[in-house]
C-alpha atoms as a PDB file:
ATOM      1  CA  UNK A   1     -23.345   5.219  -7.521  1.00  0.00           C
ATOM      2  CA  UNK A   2     -20.733   7.008  -9.571  1.00  0.00           C
ATOM      3  CA  UNK A   3     -17.174   5.571  -9.644  1.00  0.00           C
ATOM      4  CA  UNK A   4     -14.654   8.477  -9.304  1.00  0.00           C
ATOM      5  CA  UNK A   5     -11.040   7.782 -10.344  1.00  0.00           C
ATOM      6  CA  UNK A   6      -8.912   6.155  -7.699  1.00  0.00           C
ATOM      7  CA  UNK A   7      -5.180   6.463  -7.868  1.00  0.00           C
ATOM      8  CA  UNK A   8      -2.773   3.840  -6.280  1.00  0.00           C
ATOM      9  CA  UNK A   9       0.428   5.669  -5.479  1.00  0.00           C
ATOM     10  CA  UNK A  10       3.574   3.589  -4.978  1.00  0.00           C
ATOM     11  CA  UNK A  11       7.319   4.124  -4.489  1.00  0.00           C
ATOM     12  CA  UNK A  12       9.554   1.346  -5.654  1.00  0.00           C
ATOM     13  CA  UNK A  13      13.333   0.816  -5.632  1.00  0.00           C
ATOM     14  CA  UNK A  14      15.228  -2.363  -6.411  1.00  0.00           C
ATOM     15  CA  UNK A  15      12.356  -4.780  -5.847  1.00  0.00           C
ATOM     16  CA  UNK A  16      11.718  -5.680  -9.514  1.00  0.00           C
ATOM     17  CA  UNK A  17      10.127  -9.249  -8.611  1.00  0.00           C
ATOM     18  CA  UNK A  18       7.888  -7.722  -5.963  1.00  0.00           C
ATOM     19  CA  UNK A  19       6.980  -5.002  -8.267  1.00  0.00           C
ATOM     20  CA  UNK A  20       5.779  -7.504 -10.926  1.00  0.00           C
ATOM     21  CA  UNK A  21       3.259  -8.679  -8.589  1.00  0.00           C
ATOM     22  CA  UNK A  22       2.211  -5.139  -7.739  1.00  0.00           C
ATOM     23  CA  UNK A  23       1.276  -4.660 -11.420  1.00  0.00           C
ATOM     24  CA  UNK A  24      -0.568  -7.928 -11.283  1.00  0.00           C
ATOM     25  CA  UNK A  25      -2.519  -6.894  -8.143  1.00  0.00           C
ATOM     26  CA  UNK A  26      -3.468  -3.605  -9.797  1.00  0.00           C
ATOM     27  CA  UNK A  27      -4.702  -5.418 -13.015  1.00  0.00           C
ATOM     28  CA  UNK A  28      -6.872  -7.648 -10.990  1.00  0.00           C
ATOM     29  CA  UNK A  29      -8.686  -5.029  -9.087  1.00  0.00           C
ATOM     30  CA  UNK A  30     -12.411  -5.061  -9.443  1.00  0.00           C
ATOM     31  CA  UNK A  31     -12.953  -1.326  -9.012  1.00  0.00           C
ATOM     32  CA  UNK A  32     -13.365  -0.173 -12.647  1.00  0.00           C
ATOM     33  CA  UNK A  33     -12.081   3.373 -12.674  1.00  0.00           C
ATOM     34  CA  UNK A  34      -8.400   3.255 -11.500  1.00  0.00           C
ATOM     35  CA  UNK A  35      -4.829   4.193 -12.233  1.00  0.00           C
ATOM     36  CA  UNK A  36      -1.434   3.187 -10.801  1.00  0.00           C
ATOM     37  CA  UNK A  37       1.214   5.906 -10.467  1.00  0.00           C
ATOM     38  CA  UNK A  38       4.743   4.470  -9.971  1.00  0.00           C
ATOM     39  CA  UNK A  39       7.647   6.657  -8.558  1.00  0.00           C
ATOM     40  CA  UNK A  40      10.732   4.469  -9.491  1.00  0.00           C
ATOM     41  CA  UNK A  41      14.231   5.005  -8.064  1.00  0.00           C
ATOM     42  CA  UNK A  42      15.585   1.585  -9.003  1.00  0.00           C
ATOM     43  CA  UNK A  43      19.094   1.031 -10.203  1.00  0.00           C
ATOM     44  CA  UNK A  44      17.484  -1.131 -12.943  1.00  0.00           C
ATOM     45  CA  UNK A  45      14.494   0.894 -13.844  1.00  0.00           C
ATOM     46  CA  UNK A  46      11.031  -0.898 -14.015  1.00  0.00           C
ATOM     47  CA  UNK A  47       9.766   1.279 -16.755  1.00  0.00           C
ATOM     48  CA  UNK A  48       9.782  -1.792 -19.121  1.00  0.00           C
ATOM     49  CA  UNK A  49       7.484  -3.581 -16.960  1.00  0.00           C
ATOM     50  CA  UNK A  50       4.980  -0.712 -16.934  1.00  0.00           C
ATOM     51  CA  UNK A  51       5.162  -0.047 -20.726  1.00  0.00           C
ATOM     52  CA  UNK A  52       1.798  -0.706 -22.406  1.00  0.00           C
ATOM     53  CA  UNK A  53      -0.075  -1.624 -19.315  1.00  0.00           C
ATOM     54  CA  UNK A  54      -3.528   0.070 -19.111  1.00  0.00           C
ATOM     55  CA  UNK A  55      -3.825   2.646 -16.478  1.00  0.00           C
ATOM     56  CA  UNK A  56      -0.160   2.540 -15.273  1.00  0.00           C
ATOM     57  CA  UNK A  57       1.767   5.783 -15.318  1.00  0.00           C
ATOM     58  CA  UNK A  58       5.545   5.843 -14.670  1.00  0.00           C
ATOM     59  CA  UNK A  59       7.732   8.453 -13.092  1.00  0.00           C
ATOM     60  CA  UNK A  60      11.514   8.205 -12.859  1.00  0.00           C
ATOM     61  CA  UNK A  61      13.011   9.622  -9.678  1.00  0.00           C
ATOM     62  CA  UNK A  62      16.644   9.933  -8.355  1.00  0.00           C
ATOM     63  CA  UNK A  63      17.664   6.927  -6.290  1.00  0.00           C
ATOM     64  CA  UNK A  64      18.462   9.135  -3.355  1.00  0.00           C
ATOM     65  CA  UNK A  65      14.960  10.577  -3.272  1.00  0.00           C
ATOM     66  CA  UNK A  66      13.234  10.090   0.130  1.00  0.00           C
ATOM     67  CA  UNK A  67      10.363   7.725   0.164  1.00  0.00           C
ATOM     68  CA  UNK A  68       7.952  10.378   1.324  1.00  0.00           C
ATOM     69  CA  UNK A  69       9.113  12.682  -1.529  1.00  0.00           C
ATOM     70  CA  UNK A  70       8.585   9.924  -4.100  1.00  0.00           C
ATOM     71  CA  UNK A  71       4.932   9.434  -2.859  1.00  0.00           C
ATOM     72  CA  UNK A  72       4.366  13.179  -3.099  1.00  0.00           C
ATOM     73  CA  UNK A  73       5.640  13.065  -6.683  1.00  0.00           C
ATOM     74  CA  UNK A  74       3.342  10.205  -7.561  1.00  0.00           C
ATOM     75  CA  UNK A  75       0.334  12.047  -5.782  1.00  0.00           C
ATOM     76  CA  UNK A  76       1.148  15.264  -7.806  1.00  0.00           C
ATOM     77  CA  UNK A  77       1.005  13.292 -11.025  1.00  0.00           C
ATOM     78  CA  UNK A  78      -2.154  11.300 -10.198  1.00  0.00           C
ATOM     79  CA  UNK A  79      -5.518  12.350 -11.370  1.00  0.00           C
ATOM     80  CA  UNK A  80      -7.801  10.548  -8.924  1.00  0.00           C
ATOM     81  CA  UNK A  81     -10.206  12.101  -6.514  1.00  0.00           C
ATOM     82  CA  UNK A  82      -9.290   9.346  -4.131  1.00  0.00           C
ATOM     83  CA  UNK A  83      -5.873   7.802  -3.506  1.00  0.00           C
ATOM     84  CA  UNK A  84      -4.641   4.708  -1.926  1.00  0.00           C
ATOM     85  CA  UNK A  85      -0.924   4.534  -0.805  1.00  0.00           C
ATOM     86  CA  UNK A  86       0.228   0.997  -1.293  1.00  0.00           C
ATOM     87  CA  UNK A  87       3.658  -0.675  -0.641  1.00  0.00           C
ATOM     88  CA  UNK A  88       5.478  -2.303  -3.611  1.00  0.00           C
ATOM     89  CA  UNK A  89       6.083  -5.595  -1.834  1.00  0.00           C
ATOM     90  CA  UNK A  90       2.697  -6.486  -0.401  1.00  0.00           C
ATOM     91  CA  UNK A  91      -0.179  -8.331  -1.902  1.00  0.00           C
ATOM     92  CA  UNK A  92      -3.702  -6.839  -2.622  1.00  0.00           C
ATOM     93  CA  UNK A  93      -6.507  -8.982  -3.342  1.00  0.00           C
ATOM     94  CA  UNK A  94      -8.939  -7.980  -6.135  1.00  0.00           C
ATOM     95  CA  UNK A  95     -11.665  -6.298  -3.983  1.00  0.00           C
ATOM     96  CA  UNK A  96      -9.129  -4.323  -1.939  1.00  0.00           C
ATOM     97  CA  UNK A  97      -9.544  -1.071  -3.790  1.00  0.00           C
ATOM     98  CA  UNK A  98     -13.458  -1.227  -3.870  1.00  0.00           C
ATOM     99  CA  UNK A  99     -13.573  -1.937  -0.141  1.00  0.00           C
ATOM    100  CA  UNK A 100     -11.340   0.913   0.874  1.00  0.00           C
ATOM    101  CA  UNK A 101     -13.098   3.383  -1.469  1.00  0.00           C
ATOM    102  CA  UNK A 102     -16.625   2.208  -0.167  1.00  0.00           C
ATOM    103  CA  UNK A 103     -15.454   2.768   3.463  1.00  0.00           C
ATOM    104  CA  UNK A 104     -14.122   6.212   2.704  1.00  0.00           C
ATOM    105  CA  UNK A 105     -17.218   7.352   0.806  1.00  0.00           C
ATOM    106  CA  UNK A 106     -19.415   6.243   3.701  1.00  0.00           C
ATOM    107  CA  UNK A 107     -17.445   8.649   6.017  1.00  0.00           C
ATOM    108  CA  UNK A 108     -16.675  12.332   6.181  1.00  0.00           C
ATOM    109  CA  UNK A 109     -14.307  11.535   3.326  1.00  0.00           C
ATOM    110  CA  UNK A 110     -12.061  14.728   3.379  1.00  0.00           C
ATOM    111  CA  UNK A 111     -11.285  14.399   7.061  1.00  0.00           C
ATOM    112  CA  UNK A 112     -10.972  10.639   7.118  1.00  0.00           C
ATOM    113  CA  UNK A 113      -8.245   8.149   6.363  1.00  0.00           C
ATOM    114  CA  UNK A 114      -9.194   4.366   5.880  1.00  0.00           C
ATOM    115  CA  UNK A 115      -6.685   1.787   7.014  1.00  0.00           C
ATOM    116  CA  UNK A 116      -6.811  -1.868   7.586  1.00  0.00           C
ATOM    117  CA  UNK A 117      -7.097  -2.871  11.256  1.00  0.00           C
ATOM    118  CA  UNK A 118      -5.844  -6.555  10.621  1.00  0.00           C
ATOM    119  CA  UNK A 119      -4.302  -8.433   7.845  1.00  0.00           C
ATOM    120  CA  UNK A 120      -2.447 -11.606   6.822  1.00  0.00           C
ATOM    121  CA  UNK A 121       1.276 -11.822   7.008  1.00  0.00           C
ATOM    122  CA  UNK A 122       3.742 -13.985   5.063  1.00  0.00           C
ATOM    123  CA  UNK A 123       7.235 -14.067   6.400  1.00  0.00           C
ATOM    124  CA  UNK A 124       9.824 -15.147   3.934  1.00  0.00           C
ATOM    125  CA  UNK A 125       9.058 -18.198   2.112  1.00  0.00           C
ATOM    126  CA  UNK A 126       6.693 -19.628   4.866  1.00  0.00           C
ATOM    127  CA  UNK A 127       3.754 -21.335   3.360  1.00  0.00           C
ATOM    128  CA  UNK A 128       1.505 -20.655   6.375  1.00  0.00           C
ATOM    129  CA  UNK A 129       0.147 -17.170   6.599  1.00  0.00           C
ATOM    130  CA  UNK A 130      -0.146 -15.526   9.874  1.00  0.00           C
ATOM    131  CA  UNK A 131      -3.019 -13.411  11.375  1.00  0.00           C
ATOM    132  CA  UNK A 132      -1.913  -9.982  12.575  1.00  0.00           C
ATOM    133  CA  UNK A 133      -4.504  -9.443  15.287  1.00  0.00           C
ATOM    134  CA  UNK A 134      -6.373  -6.320  15.637  1.00  0.00           C
ATOM    135  CA  UNK A 135      -5.353  -2.731  16.534  1.00  0.00           C
ATOM    136  CA  UNK A 136      -3.163  -1.842  13.368  1.00  0.00           C
ATOM    137  CA  UNK A 137      -3.524   0.964  10.857  1.00  0.00           C
ATOM    138  CA  UNK A 138      -1.549  -0.682   8.176  1.00  0.00           C
ATOM    139  CA  UNK A 139       0.671   1.900   6.345  1.00  0.00           C
ATOM    140  CA  UNK A 140       0.236   0.016   3.026  1.00  0.00           C
ATOM    141  CA  UNK A 141      -3.409   0.253   3.084  1.00  0.00           C
ATOM    142  CA  UNK A 142      -4.150   4.116   3.482  1.00  0.00           C
ATOM    143  CA  UNK A 143      -7.114   5.420   1.593  1.00  0.00           C
ATOM    144  CA  UNK A 144      -7.771   9.239   1.485  1.00  0.00           C
ATOM    145  CA  UNK A 145      -8.999  11.863  -0.717  1.00  0.00           C
ATOM    146  CA  UNK A 146      -6.923  14.199  -2.899  1.00  0.00           C
ATOM    147  CA  UNK A 147      -8.245  17.252  -0.756  1.00  0.00           C
ATOM    148  CA  UNK A 148      -6.624  15.542   2.372  1.00  0.00           C
ATOM    149  CA  UNK A 149      -3.325  14.982   0.696  1.00  0.00           C
ATOM    150  CA  UNK A 150      -3.183  18.674  -0.540  1.00  0.00           C
ATOM    151  CA  UNK A 151      -3.588  19.808   3.014  1.00  0.00           C
ATOM    152  CA  UNK A 152      -1.180  17.145   4.404  1.00  0.00           C
ATOM    153  CA  UNK A 153       1.628  16.010   2.127  1.00  0.00           C
ATOM    154  CA  UNK A 154       3.931  13.142   3.107  1.00  0.00           C
ATOM    155  CA  UNK A 155       6.923  14.407   4.946  1.00  0.00           C
ATOM    156  CA  UNK A 156      10.161  14.137   3.132  1.00  0.00           C
ATOM    157  CA  UNK A 157      11.485  11.309   5.032  1.00  0.00           C
ATOM    158  CA  UNK A 158      13.005   7.889   4.431  1.00  0.00           C
ATOM    159  CA  UNK A 159      10.800   5.882   6.675  1.00  0.00           C
ATOM    160  CA  UNK A 160       7.701   5.945   8.768  1.00  0.00           C
ATOM    161  CA  UNK A 161       6.144   8.290   6.192  1.00  0.00           C
ATOM    162  CA  UNK A 162       2.825   6.583   6.354  1.00  0.00           C
ATOM    163  CA  UNK A 163       2.148   7.000  10.086  1.00  0.00           C
ATOM    164  CA  UNK A 164       3.696  10.495  10.078  1.00  0.00           C
ATOM    165  CA  UNK A 165       1.112  11.334   7.428  1.00  0.00           C
ATOM    166  CA  UNK A 166      -1.657  10.110   9.615  1.00  0.00           C
ATOM    167  CA  UNK A 167      -0.304  12.163  12.575  1.00  0.00           C
ATOM    168  CA  UNK A 168       0.141  15.244  10.486  1.00  0.00           C
ATOM    169  CA  UNK A 169      -3.355  15.044   8.939  1.00  0.00           C
ATOM    170  CA  UNK A 170      -5.132  15.102  12.242  1.00  0.00           C
ATOM    171  CA  UNK A 171      -7.830  13.031  10.333  1.00  0.00           C
ATOM    172  CA  UNK A 172     -10.140  10.429  11.742  1.00  0.00           C
ATOM    173  CA  UNK A 173      -8.859   6.978  11.157  1.00  0.00           C
ATOM    174  CA  UNK A 174     -11.492   4.523  10.094  1.00  0.00           C
ATOM    175  CA  UNK A 175     -10.182   0.980  10.329  1.00  0.00           C
ATOM    176  CA  UNK A 176     -11.362  -2.015   8.301  1.00  0.00           C
ATOM    177  CA  UNK A 177     -11.278  -5.674   9.351  1.00  0.00           C
ATOM    178  CA  UNK A 178     -10.828  -7.434   6.037  1.00  0.00           C
ATOM    179  CA  UNK A 179      -7.751  -9.550   6.291  1.00  0.00           C
ATOM    180  CA  UNK A 180      -8.635 -11.537   3.387  1.00  0.00           C
ATOM    181  CA  UNK A 181      -7.887  -8.676   1.111  1.00  0.00           C
ATOM    182  CA  UNK A 182      -4.367  -7.718   2.230  1.00  0.00           C
ATOM    183  CA  UNK A 183      -1.174  -9.605   2.839  1.00  0.00           C
ATOM    184  CA  UNK A 184       1.826  -7.971   4.444  1.00  0.00           C
ATOM    185  CA  UNK A 185       4.881  -9.497   3.075  1.00  0.00           C
ATOM    186  CA  UNK A 186       8.119  -9.856   5.124  1.00  0.00           C
ATOM    187  CA  UNK A 187      11.456 -10.352   3.444  1.00  0.00           C
ATOM    188  CA  UNK A 188      15.281  -9.574   3.609  1.00  0.00           C
ATOM    189  CA  UNK A 189      14.973  -5.965   2.221  1.00  0.00           C
ATOM    190  CA  UNK A 190      12.101  -4.595   4.483  1.00  0.00           C
ATOM    191  CA  UNK A 191      12.730  -1.053   5.884  1.00  0.00           C
ATOM    192  CA  UNK A 192      10.799  -1.821   9.088  1.00  0.00           C
ATOM    193  CA  UNK A 193      12.473  -4.293  11.231  1.00  0.00           C
ATOM    194  CA  UNK A 194      12.059  -3.389  14.805  1.00  0.00           C
ATOM    195  CA  UNK A 195       8.741  -3.436  16.802  1.00  0.00           C
ATOM    196  CA  UNK A 196       9.151  -1.999  20.341  1.00  0.00           C
ATOM    197  CA  UNK A 197      12.432  -3.695  20.582  1.00  0.00           C
ATOM    198  CA  UNK A 198      11.479  -7.006  18.950  1.00  0.00           C
ATOM    199  CA  UNK A 199      12.557  -8.197  15.644  1.00  0.00           C
ATOM    200  CA  UNK A 200       9.549  -7.836  13.377  1.00  0.00           C
ATOM    201  CA  UNK A 201       9.937 -11.232  11.601  1.00  0.00           C
ATOM    202  CA  UNK A 202      10.221 -13.017  14.876  1.00  0.00           C
ATOM    203  CA  UNK A 203       7.286 -11.217  16.125  1.00  0.00           C
ATOM    204  CA  UNK A 204       4.998 -12.105  13.271  1.00  0.00           C
ATOM    205  CA  UNK A 205       6.154 -15.731  13.249  1.00  0.00           C
ATOM    206  CA  UNK A 206       5.062 -15.935  16.881  1.00  0.00           C
ATOM    207  CA  UNK A 207       1.505 -15.160  15.916  1.00  0.00           C
ATOM    208  CA  UNK A 208      -1.274 -17.829  15.217  1.00  0.00           C
ATOM    209  CA  UNK A 209      -1.610 -19.270  11.759  1.00  0.00           C
ATOM    210  CA  UNK A 210      -4.472 -17.955   9.912  1.00  0.00           C
ATOM    211  CA  UNK A 211      -5.494 -21.166   8.353  1.00  0.00           C
ATOM    212  CA  UNK A 212      -4.792 -19.846   4.863  1.00  0.00           C
ATOM    213  CA  UNK A 213      -1.659 -20.819   2.783  1.00  0.00           C
ATOM    214  CA  UNK A 214       0.459 -18.752   0.478  1.00  0.00           C
ATOM    215  CA  UNK A 215       0.078 -21.057  -2.383  1.00  0.00           C
ATOM    216  CA  UNK A 216      -3.706 -20.604  -2.331  1.00  0.00           C
ATOM    217  CA  UNK A 217      -3.789 -16.898  -1.820  1.00  0.00           C
ATOM    218  CA  UNK A 218      -0.996 -15.969  -4.172  1.00  0.00           C
ATOM    219  CA  UNK A 219      -2.354 -18.146  -6.860  1.00  0.00           C
END
């Protein structure tokens, strides 16, 4: 099977330590034909972290640029036939890109968005990783074709841009259960903090432990 170029698109702002991990996750992906396109609105730009890294392309954006607009800028600059919208603070295991692309190619690709149905969660510095349970379409895991994005760009919004993208696309959502490949990371600077009236961190801490530990997964 051929390996079309896959573009990771990511927006980052003032998360330098997390972004270093994003670069590491990208470098470890097993899918061979890939690029990472970064739209950076940080007060301290991360261009120096990107310099000289194979497959990484850097865009500087105004710090006030809405998140959805940043993602569209990254998508416009990208070259891949397929895209994955990732988050700059989450953790992606090496087979993540391959698994998402395989699922998309096995579907009616131009009318499908692939997303993770379940995942692991790290809250703060907790060593125990939680299991999310099923029924999600995790916004940091969206896999789709360039053609679909060209029909349905991200809204120029500062939050919830991923789920609005799903709604606007009218695409079929194909969900994957591969929690071993994606860790949602919760910290003090998250944008999403309310889940149906409940504090998001408190909700995730109430979930059962997955049996996996951060020091093992993040090694």
